[in-house]
Every structure is written in C-alpha cells, then in structure tokens.
Amino acid sequence: MEQFKRFLKAFRPALTVTLVFMLVCGLGYPLLMNGLSGMLFPKQANGNLVTVAGKPIGSKHVGQEFTADFFMKGRPSSVHYNTYTVNENGQKVYLDGSKFAGLASGSSNYGPSNPALAERVETDMAEFLAAHPDVKPEDIPTDLMTASASGLDPHISPEAAAIQLPKIAEASGLSMEVLEQIVQDNTTGKLLGIFGEEVVNVLGVNAGIAEAMGLTQ
C-alpha cells in the first residue's frame, strides 16, 4: 500500500503536466488560432473560395479539370485535379473514364528518361495540336505540357493562356477583347515586382467566361 502511494505521488505531477499541455496545446491553442484567423483573415481562413452568383465553385488556390471547348485548360494533372464523377455502378472515375486513384494530390514523379513521361507528353501535345490546328508544336508553352508537383496548381503562364484564346473565342462566341480582359483580370504579377512570375488563374478565367456567356444565371 505504501509503495502504491509513493507511485501515485510520483505519477501525479507527470499526469497533471500531460493534461495541462494537452488542454493548452491540443485544444486551447488551436481554438485561439482558428478564432483569430477567422476574424483577421476570414477569406483566407475559409479557403479563398471563388464564388459565382453567390455560390462557391472552388478555391483560387486549387485547380480543377475542365473539358468543355469554351473553357481554358490548366496544366496536366496526374490526379486529374482530384475531379471525378460516379458511374452507374457507384464507382468513382475521372472525367476521362479512368479509375479514380483516391489521391488528394501528388505527381507521377516520372524522371526525364522514363518512357511513360515521353508518351504522356506526346499524347497531350497531339490532343492540343488537334484542338489548335494553327499552333506549331514549338510554340506550345512548356507549362501546358508539364504537371506540377502537387497536381493541383491552378495557374498557367500568360503565354499558355493567350495561345488558347482563339479556340475559346470560336467555341464560346465571345470576342477576343472580352476574353483578353477576363485573362487580365485574373492575372497576378510578380511579388513586389521582382519575385516569381506572372501567372493566370484558370478557375478565375473560366468563372469569368461562364459569366460572360450567361451560364451562371
């Protein structure tokens, strides 16, 4: 009995410290940070949502897969931007019909010497040239043929956006002037004018195209 009392006496401080730190670090601190971020940065804390007609259609920091001819296409994604449908058997499949991998993000991690990478690029290039017959292979911006590490990059270069506009104008019925303005409205410049590159947010552009076409009413 005496040994048990000594054990409890020695064990009580450790248990107390564990409970205190669990409450402070595991509950109090996360609640405090979540509350402060929600008050100080409500848009960022809620995922930088893009809304159309008052309805959220995605996050400006997460790309999506678009298949319609009148929408701008983003970079290739080994996880199809995690965009899937459910078939008649209740199975999740990507928009091209391939099996859903269940991955939230990631890349195929193919090395330059991997034949699978060359095959994928050749296939994507052939599809792009078929959709844009006036474009030469050497004029295709590199980012339209290369996937990002996350597979969720929502941005492309201004050059990659501009080369798609004639096809989008033909499919959407919108003028080049309107499309160029939509792209400009969704273009972010270099940080402080020197860091990074100019990028175009594909989701923002497509939201603008849908709105201009009257598809969001």
C-alpha atoms as a PDB file:
ATOM      1  CA  MET A   1       0.000   0.000   0.000  1.00  0.00           C
ATOM      2  CA  GLU A   2       2.832   2.328   0.898  1.00  0.00           C
ATOM      3  CA  GLN A   3       4.550   1.611  -2.406  1.00  0.00           C
ATOM      4  CA  PHE A   4       1.330   2.372  -4.290  1.00  0.00           C
ATOM      5  CA  LYS A   5       1.010   5.732  -2.527  1.00  0.00           C
ATOM      6  CA  ARG A   6       4.590   6.586  -3.438  1.00  0.00           C
ATOM      7  CA  PHE A   7       3.849   5.612  -7.048  1.00  0.00           C
ATOM      8  CA  LEU A   8       0.785   7.887  -7.141  1.00  0.00           C
ATOM      9  CA  LYS A   9       2.774  10.721  -5.593  1.00  0.00           C
ATOM     10  CA  ALA A  10       5.467  10.373  -8.261  1.00  0.00           C
ATOM     11  CA  PHE A  11       2.986   9.820 -11.083  1.00  0.00           C
ATOM     12  CA  ARG A  12       0.634  12.730 -10.242  1.00  0.00           C
ATOM     13  CA  PRO A  13       2.930  15.569 -11.482  1.00  0.00           C
ATOM     14  CA  ALA A  14       3.522  13.810 -14.788  1.00  0.00           C
ATOM     15  CA  LEU A  15      -0.198  13.228 -15.272  1.00  0.00           C
ATOM     16  CA  THR A  16      -1.007  16.823 -14.347  1.00  0.00           C
ATOM     17  CA  VAL A  17       1.555  18.253 -16.749  1.00  0.00           C
ATOM     18  CA  THR A  18       0.302  15.955 -19.534  1.00  0.00           C
ATOM     19  CA  LEU A  19      -3.305  17.018 -19.047  1.00  0.00           C
ATOM     20  CA  VAL A  20      -2.432  20.708 -18.840  1.00  0.00           C
ATOM     21  CA  PHE A  21      -0.351  20.634 -22.012  1.00  0.00           C
ATOM     22  CA  MET A  22      -2.973  18.552 -23.784  1.00  0.00           C
ATOM     23  CA  LEU A  23      -5.639  21.139 -22.981  1.00  0.00           C
ATOM     24  CA  VAL A  24      -3.424  24.122 -23.785  1.00  0.00           C
ATOM     25  CA  CYS A  25      -1.682  22.803 -26.910  1.00  0.00           C
ATOM     26  CA  GLY A  26      -4.312  20.377 -28.163  1.00  0.00           C
ATOM     27  CA  LEU A  27      -7.427  22.445 -27.523  1.00  0.00           C
ATOM     28  CA  GLY A  28      -6.805  25.998 -26.370  1.00  0.00           C
ATOM     29  CA  TYR A  29      -4.101  26.981 -28.870  1.00  0.00           C
ATOM     30  CA  PRO A  30      -5.877  25.555 -31.972  1.00  0.00           C
ATOM     31  CA  LEU A  31      -9.142  27.236 -30.942  1.00  0.00           C
ATOM     32  CA  LEU A  32      -7.357  30.542 -30.368  1.00  0.00           C
ATOM     33  CA  MET A  33      -5.527  30.423 -33.719  1.00  0.00           C
ATOM     34  CA  ASN A  34      -8.670  29.344 -35.552  1.00  0.00           C
ATOM     35  CA  GLY A  35     -10.673  32.139 -33.968  1.00  0.00           C
ATOM     36  CA  LEU A  36      -8.046  34.796 -34.660  1.00  0.00           C
ATOM     37  CA  SER A  37      -7.532  33.682 -38.269  1.00  0.00           C
ATOM     38  CA  GLY A  38     -11.293  33.712 -38.829  1.00  0.00           C
ATOM     39  CA  MET A  39     -11.549  37.270 -37.516  1.00  0.00           C
ATOM     40  CA  LEU A  40      -8.384  38.744 -39.061  1.00  0.00           C
ATOM     41  CA  PHE A  41      -8.274  36.808 -42.337  1.00  0.00           C
ATOM     42  CA  PRO A  42     -11.801  35.454 -42.949  1.00  0.00           C
ATOM     43  CA  LYS A  43     -11.357  34.920 -46.706  1.00  0.00           C
ATOM     44  CA  GLN A  44      -8.086  33.010 -46.348  1.00  0.00           C
ATOM     45  CA  ALA A  45      -9.324  31.022 -43.346  1.00  0.00           C
ATOM     46  CA  ASN A  46     -12.312  29.837 -45.361  1.00  0.00           C
ATOM     47  CA  GLY A  47     -10.189  28.583 -48.254  1.00  0.00           C
ATOM     48  CA  ASN A  48     -10.056  31.599 -50.593  1.00  0.00           C
ATOM     49  CA  LEU A  49     -13.293  30.485 -52.200  1.00  0.00           C
ATOM     50  CA  VAL A  50     -14.268  31.683 -55.671  1.00  0.00           C
ATOM     51  CA  THR A  51     -17.981  32.461 -55.884  1.00  0.00           C
ATOM     52  CA  VAL A  52     -20.238  32.911 -58.898  1.00  0.00           C
ATOM     53  CA  ALA A  53     -23.780  34.197 -58.474  1.00  0.00           C
ATOM     54  CA  GLY A  54     -23.284  33.862 -54.737  1.00  0.00           C
ATOM     55  CA  LYS A  55     -22.344  30.185 -54.907  1.00  0.00           C
ATOM     56  CA  PRO A  56     -18.838  28.805 -54.200  1.00  0.00           C
ATOM     57  CA  ILE A  57     -17.353  26.973 -57.180  1.00  0.00           C
ATOM     58  CA  GLY A  58     -13.886  26.215 -55.812  1.00  0.00           C
ATOM     59  CA  SER A  59     -10.767  27.688 -54.270  1.00  0.00           C
ATOM     60  CA  LYS A  60      -8.477  30.103 -56.094  1.00  0.00           C
ATOM     61  CA  HIS A  61      -5.514  28.028 -54.862  1.00  0.00           C
ATOM     62  CA  VAL A  62      -6.740  24.632 -56.131  1.00  0.00           C
ATOM     63  CA  GLY A  63      -7.036  23.840 -59.829  1.00  0.00           C
ATOM     64  CA  GLN A  64      -9.881  21.992 -61.485  1.00  0.00           C
ATOM     65  CA  GLU A  65     -10.231  19.890 -64.616  1.00  0.00           C
ATOM     66  CA  PHE A  66     -12.208  21.489 -67.447  1.00  0.00           C
ATOM     67  CA  THR A  67     -13.287  19.606 -70.571  1.00  0.00           C
ATOM     68  CA  ALA A  68     -15.628  21.995 -72.433  1.00  0.00           C
ATOM     69  CA  ASP A  69     -14.100  23.659 -75.509  1.00  0.00           C
ATOM     70  CA  PHE A  70     -15.144  27.132 -74.330  1.00  0.00           C
ATOM     71  CA  PHE A  71     -13.192  26.778 -71.071  1.00  0.00           C
ATOM     72  CA  MET A  72      -9.484  27.366 -70.603  1.00  0.00           C
ATOM     73  CA  LYS A  73      -7.385  24.303 -69.800  1.00  0.00           C
ATOM     74  CA  GLY A  74      -4.839  24.167 -66.993  1.00  0.00           C
ATOM     75  CA  ARG A  75      -1.646  22.174 -66.605  1.00  0.00           C
ATOM     76  CA  PRO A  76      -1.698  18.369 -66.822  1.00  0.00           C
ATOM     77  CA  SER A  77      -2.501  16.678 -63.525  1.00  0.00           C
ATOM     78  CA  SER A  78      -1.601  13.120 -62.619  1.00  0.00           C
ATOM     79  CA  VAL A  79      -4.552  13.131 -60.187  1.00  0.00           C
ATOM     80  CA  HIS A  80      -6.909  14.935 -62.614  1.00  0.00           C
ATOM     81  CA  TYR A  81      -7.135  17.723 -60.035  1.00  0.00           C
ATOM     82  CA  ASN A  82      -8.975  15.174 -57.899  1.00  0.00           C
ATOM     83  CA  THR A  83     -12.079  15.774 -60.033  1.00  0.00           C
ATOM     84  CA  TYR A  84     -14.224  12.680 -60.511  1.00  0.00           C
ATOM     85  CA  THR A  85     -17.727  11.502 -61.316  1.00  0.00           C
ATOM     86  CA  VAL A  86     -19.704   8.500 -60.065  1.00  0.00           C
ATOM     87  CA  ASN A  87     -20.721   5.941 -62.701  1.00  0.00           C
ATOM     88  CA  GLU A  88     -23.821   3.755 -62.804  1.00  0.00           C
ATOM     89  CA  ASN A  89     -22.114   1.177 -60.582  1.00  0.00           C
ATOM     90  CA  GLY A  90     -21.420   3.744 -57.896  1.00  0.00           C
ATOM     91  CA  GLN A  91     -17.684   3.762 -58.665  1.00  0.00           C
ATOM     92  CA  LYS A  92     -15.665   6.962 -58.757  1.00  0.00           C
ATOM     93  CA  VAL A  93     -13.979   7.631 -62.102  1.00  0.00           C
ATOM     94  CA  TYR A  94     -12.048  10.544 -63.527  1.00  0.00           C
ATOM     95  CA  LEU A  95     -13.591  12.628 -66.298  1.00  0.00           C
ATOM     96  CA  ASP A  96     -11.683  10.670 -68.961  1.00  0.00           C
ATOM     97  CA  GLY A  97     -13.158   7.414 -67.641  1.00  0.00           C
ATOM     98  CA  SER A  98     -10.024   6.139 -65.895  1.00  0.00           C
ATOM     99  CA  LYS A  99     -10.224   4.687 -62.398  1.00  0.00           C
ATOM    100  CA  PHE A 100     -10.151   7.146 -59.507  1.00  0.00           C
ATOM    101  CA  ALA A 101      -6.866   6.674 -57.657  1.00  0.00           C
ATOM    102  CA  GLY A 102      -8.114   8.073 -54.365  1.00  0.00           C
ATOM    103  CA  LEU A 103      -5.227  10.541 -54.178  1.00  0.00           C
ATOM    104  CA  ALA A 104      -5.817  14.082 -52.969  1.00  0.00           C
ATOM    105  CA  SER A 105      -2.680  15.420 -54.625  1.00  0.00           C
ATOM    106  CA  GLY A 106       0.691  14.377 -55.964  1.00  0.00           C
ATOM    107  CA  SER A 107       2.593  13.697 -59.156  1.00  0.00           C
ATOM    108  CA  SER A 108       3.641  10.645 -61.125  1.00  0.00           C
ATOM    109  CA  ASN A 109       7.268  11.530 -60.313  1.00  0.00           C
ATOM    110  CA  TYR A 110       8.478  10.312 -63.717  1.00  0.00           C
ATOM    111  CA  GLY A 111      12.141  11.004 -64.464  1.00  0.00           C
ATOM    112  CA  PRO A 112      13.207  12.580 -67.805  1.00  0.00           C
ATOM    113  CA  SER A 113      14.341   9.181 -69.076  1.00  0.00           C
ATOM    114  CA  ASN A 114      11.053   7.432 -68.260  1.00  0.00           C
ATOM    115  CA  PRO A 115       9.248   6.366 -71.483  1.00  0.00           C
ATOM    116  CA  ALA A 116       5.902   6.885 -69.735  1.00  0.00           C
ATOM    117  CA  LEU A 117       6.649  10.597 -69.402  1.00  0.00           C
ATOM    118  CA  ALA A 118       7.516  10.952 -73.087  1.00  0.00           C
ATOM    119  CA  GLU A 119       4.366   9.021 -74.016  1.00  0.00           C
ATOM    120  CA  ARG A 120       2.170  11.212 -71.843  1.00  0.00           C
ATOM    121  CA  VAL A 121       3.664  14.442 -73.228  1.00  0.00           C
ATOM    122  CA  GLU A 122       3.333  13.221 -76.820  1.00  0.00           C
ATOM    123  CA  THR A 123      -0.303  12.299 -76.238  1.00  0.00           C
ATOM    124  CA  ASP A 124      -1.092  15.639 -74.622  1.00  0.00           C
ATOM    125  CA  MET A 125       0.714  17.508 -77.400  1.00  0.00           C
ATOM    126  CA  ALA A 126      -1.178  15.624 -80.096  1.00  0.00           C
ATOM    127  CA  GLU A 127      -4.502  16.427 -78.421  1.00  0.00           C
ATOM    128  CA  PHE A 128      -3.578  20.091 -78.047  1.00  0.00           C
ATOM    129  CA  LEU A 129      -2.490  20.405 -81.675  1.00  0.00           C
ATOM    130  CA  ALA A 130      -5.672  18.706 -82.839  1.00  0.00           C
ATOM    131  CA  ALA A 131      -7.716  21.260 -80.891  1.00  0.00           C
ATOM    132  CA  HIS A 132      -5.492  24.151 -82.034  1.00  0.00           C
ATOM    133  CA  PRO A 133      -4.503  23.346 -85.645  1.00  0.00           C
ATOM    134  CA  ASP A 134      -2.987  26.797 -86.210  1.00  0.00           C
ATOM    135  CA  VAL A 135      -0.419  26.268 -83.420  1.00  0.00           C
ATOM    136  CA  LYS A 136       3.020  24.839 -84.142  1.00  0.00           C
ATOM    137  CA  PRO A 137       4.495  22.271 -81.721  1.00  0.00           C
ATOM    138  CA  GLU A 138       7.438  24.527 -80.884  1.00  0.00           C
ATOM    139  CA  ASP A 139       5.059  27.345 -79.935  1.00  0.00           C
ATOM    140  CA  ILE A 140       3.269  25.403 -77.180  1.00  0.00           C
ATOM    141  CA  PRO A 141       4.237  26.874 -73.778  1.00  0.00           C
ATOM    142  CA  THR A 142       6.072  24.361 -71.613  1.00  0.00           C
ATOM    143  CA  ASP A 143       3.711  24.630 -68.657  1.00  0.00           C
ATOM    144  CA  LEU A 144       0.828  23.264 -70.752  1.00  0.00           C
ATOM    145  CA  MET A 145       2.747  20.014 -71.157  1.00  0.00           C
ATOM    146  CA  THR A 146       4.284  19.718 -67.659  1.00  0.00           C
ATOM    147  CA  ALA A 147       2.463  18.795 -64.469  1.00  0.00           C
ATOM    148  CA  SER A 148       3.048  20.475 -61.134  1.00  0.00           C
ATOM    149  CA  ALA A 149       4.383  18.587 -58.117  1.00  0.00           C
ATOM    150  CA  SER A 150       1.040  18.768 -56.330  1.00  0.00           C
ATOM    151  CA  GLY A 151      -1.109  18.075 -59.382  1.00  0.00           C
ATOM    152  CA  LEU A 152      -3.384  20.875 -58.152  1.00  0.00           C
ATOM    153  CA  ASP A 153      -1.681  24.011 -59.489  1.00  0.00           C
ATOM    154  CA  PRO A 154      -4.429  26.464 -60.563  1.00  0.00           C
ATOM    155  CA  HIS A 155      -2.090  28.741 -62.528  1.00  0.00           C
ATOM    156  CA  ILE A 156      -0.642  28.860 -66.019  1.00  0.00           C
ATOM    157  CA  SER A 157       1.613  31.403 -67.681  1.00  0.00           C
ATOM    158  CA  PRO A 158       0.160  34.362 -69.636  1.00  0.00           C
ATOM    159  CA  GLU A 159       1.594  32.755 -72.785  1.00  0.00           C
ATOM    160  CA  ALA A 160      -0.255  29.498 -72.053  1.00  0.00           C
ATOM    161  CA  ALA A 161      -3.468  31.469 -71.592  1.00  0.00           C
ATOM    162  CA  ALA A 162      -3.027  33.593 -74.724  1.00  0.00           C
ATOM    163  CA  ILE A 163      -2.421  30.639 -77.033  1.00  0.00           C
ATOM    164  CA  GLN A 164      -5.795  29.146 -76.046  1.00  0.00           C
ATOM    165  CA  LEU A 165      -7.886  32.276 -76.637  1.00  0.00           C
ATOM    166  CA  PRO A 166      -8.616  31.866 -80.388  1.00  0.00           C
ATOM    167  CA  LYS A 167     -10.097  28.415 -79.789  1.00  0.00           C
ATOM    168  CA  ILE A 168     -12.072  29.638 -76.773  1.00  0.00           C
ATOM    169  CA  ALA A 169     -13.389  32.615 -78.757  1.00  0.00           C
ATOM    170  CA  GLU A 170     -14.587  30.276 -81.506  1.00  0.00           C
ATOM    171  CA  ALA A 171     -16.272  27.878 -79.075  1.00  0.00           C
ATOM    172  CA  SER A 172     -17.782  30.482 -76.743  1.00  0.00           C
ATOM    173  CA  GLY A 173     -18.812  33.179 -79.189  1.00  0.00           C
ATOM    174  CA  LEU A 174     -17.050  35.784 -77.056  1.00  0.00           C
ATOM    175  CA  SER A 175     -14.760  38.327 -78.661  1.00  0.00           C
ATOM    176  CA  MET A 176     -11.011  38.260 -78.220  1.00  0.00           C
ATOM    177  CA  GLU A 177     -11.237  41.637 -76.495  1.00  0.00           C
ATOM    178  CA  VAL A 178     -13.616  40.280 -73.859  1.00  0.00           C
ATOM    179  CA  LEU A 179     -11.503  37.166 -73.316  1.00  0.00           C
ATOM    180  CA  GLU A 180      -8.282  39.152 -73.070  1.00  0.00           C
ATOM    181  CA  GLN A 181      -9.854  41.369 -70.420  1.00  0.00           C
ATOM    182  CA  ILE A 182     -11.029  38.326 -68.456  1.00  0.00           C
ATOM    183  CA  VAL A 183      -7.486  36.934 -68.551  1.00  0.00           C
ATOM    184  CA  GLN A 184      -6.053  40.284 -67.474  1.00  0.00           C
ATOM    185  CA  ASP A 185      -8.496  40.461 -64.567  1.00  0.00           C
ATOM    186  CA  ASN A 186      -7.246  37.071 -63.360  1.00  0.00           C
ATOM    187  CA  THR A 187      -3.524  37.688 -63.862  1.00  0.00           C
ATOM    188  CA  THR A 188      -1.259  38.132 -60.847  1.00  0.00           C
ATOM    189  CA  GLY A 189       2.052  39.922 -61.286  1.00  0.00           C
ATOM    190  CA  LYS A 190       5.390  39.231 -59.663  1.00  0.00           C
ATOM    191  CA  LEU A 191       5.559  39.651 -55.894  1.00  0.00           C
ATOM    192  CA  LEU A 192       6.897  43.144 -55.221  1.00  0.00           C
ATOM    193  CA  GLY A 193       7.593  43.315 -58.928  1.00  0.00           C
ATOM    194  CA  ILE A 194      10.655  41.061 -58.738  1.00  0.00           C
ATOM    195  CA  PHE A 195       9.818  37.688 -57.151  1.00  0.00           C
ATOM    196  CA  GLY A 196       8.217  34.831 -59.062  1.00  0.00           C
ATOM    197  CA  GLU A 197       6.450  35.103 -62.393  1.00  0.00           C
ATOM    198  CA  GLU A 198       3.216  36.461 -63.783  1.00  0.00           C
ATOM    199  CA  VAL A 199       0.518  33.788 -63.561  1.00  0.00           C
ATOM    200  CA  VAL A 200      -3.071  33.395 -64.726  1.00  0.00           C
ATOM    201  CA  ASN A 201      -5.651  31.724 -62.503  1.00  0.00           C
ATOM    202  CA  VAL A 202      -7.527  29.237 -64.707  1.00  0.00           C
ATOM    203  CA  LEU A 203     -10.528  28.870 -62.400  1.00  0.00           C
ATOM    204  CA  GLY A 204     -10.958  32.631 -62.255  1.00  0.00           C
ATOM    205  CA  VAL A 205     -10.776  32.887 -66.049  1.00  0.00           C
ATOM    206  CA  ASN A 206     -13.343  30.136 -66.544  1.00  0.00           C
ATOM    207  CA  ALA A 207     -15.657  31.694 -63.983  1.00  0.00           C
ATOM    208  CA  GLY A 208     -15.423  34.929 -65.981  1.00  0.00           C
ATOM    209  CA  ILE A 209     -16.084  33.088 -69.251  1.00  0.00           C
ATOM    210  CA  ALA A 210     -19.127  31.328 -67.806  1.00  0.00           C
ATOM    211  CA  GLU A 211     -20.470  34.624 -66.503  1.00  0.00           C
ATOM    212  CA  ALA A 212     -19.899  36.388 -69.841  1.00  0.00           C
ATOM    213  CA  MET A 213     -21.701  33.542 -71.635  1.00  0.00           C
ATOM    214  CA  GLY A 214     -24.664  33.771 -69.288  1.00  0.00           C
ATOM    215  CA  LEU A 215     -24.143  30.287 -67.885  1.00  0.00           C
ATOM    216  CA  THR A 216     -24.248  31.372 -64.231  1.00  0.00           C
ATOM    217  CA  GLN A 217     -27.750  32.804 -64.044  1.00  0.00           C
END
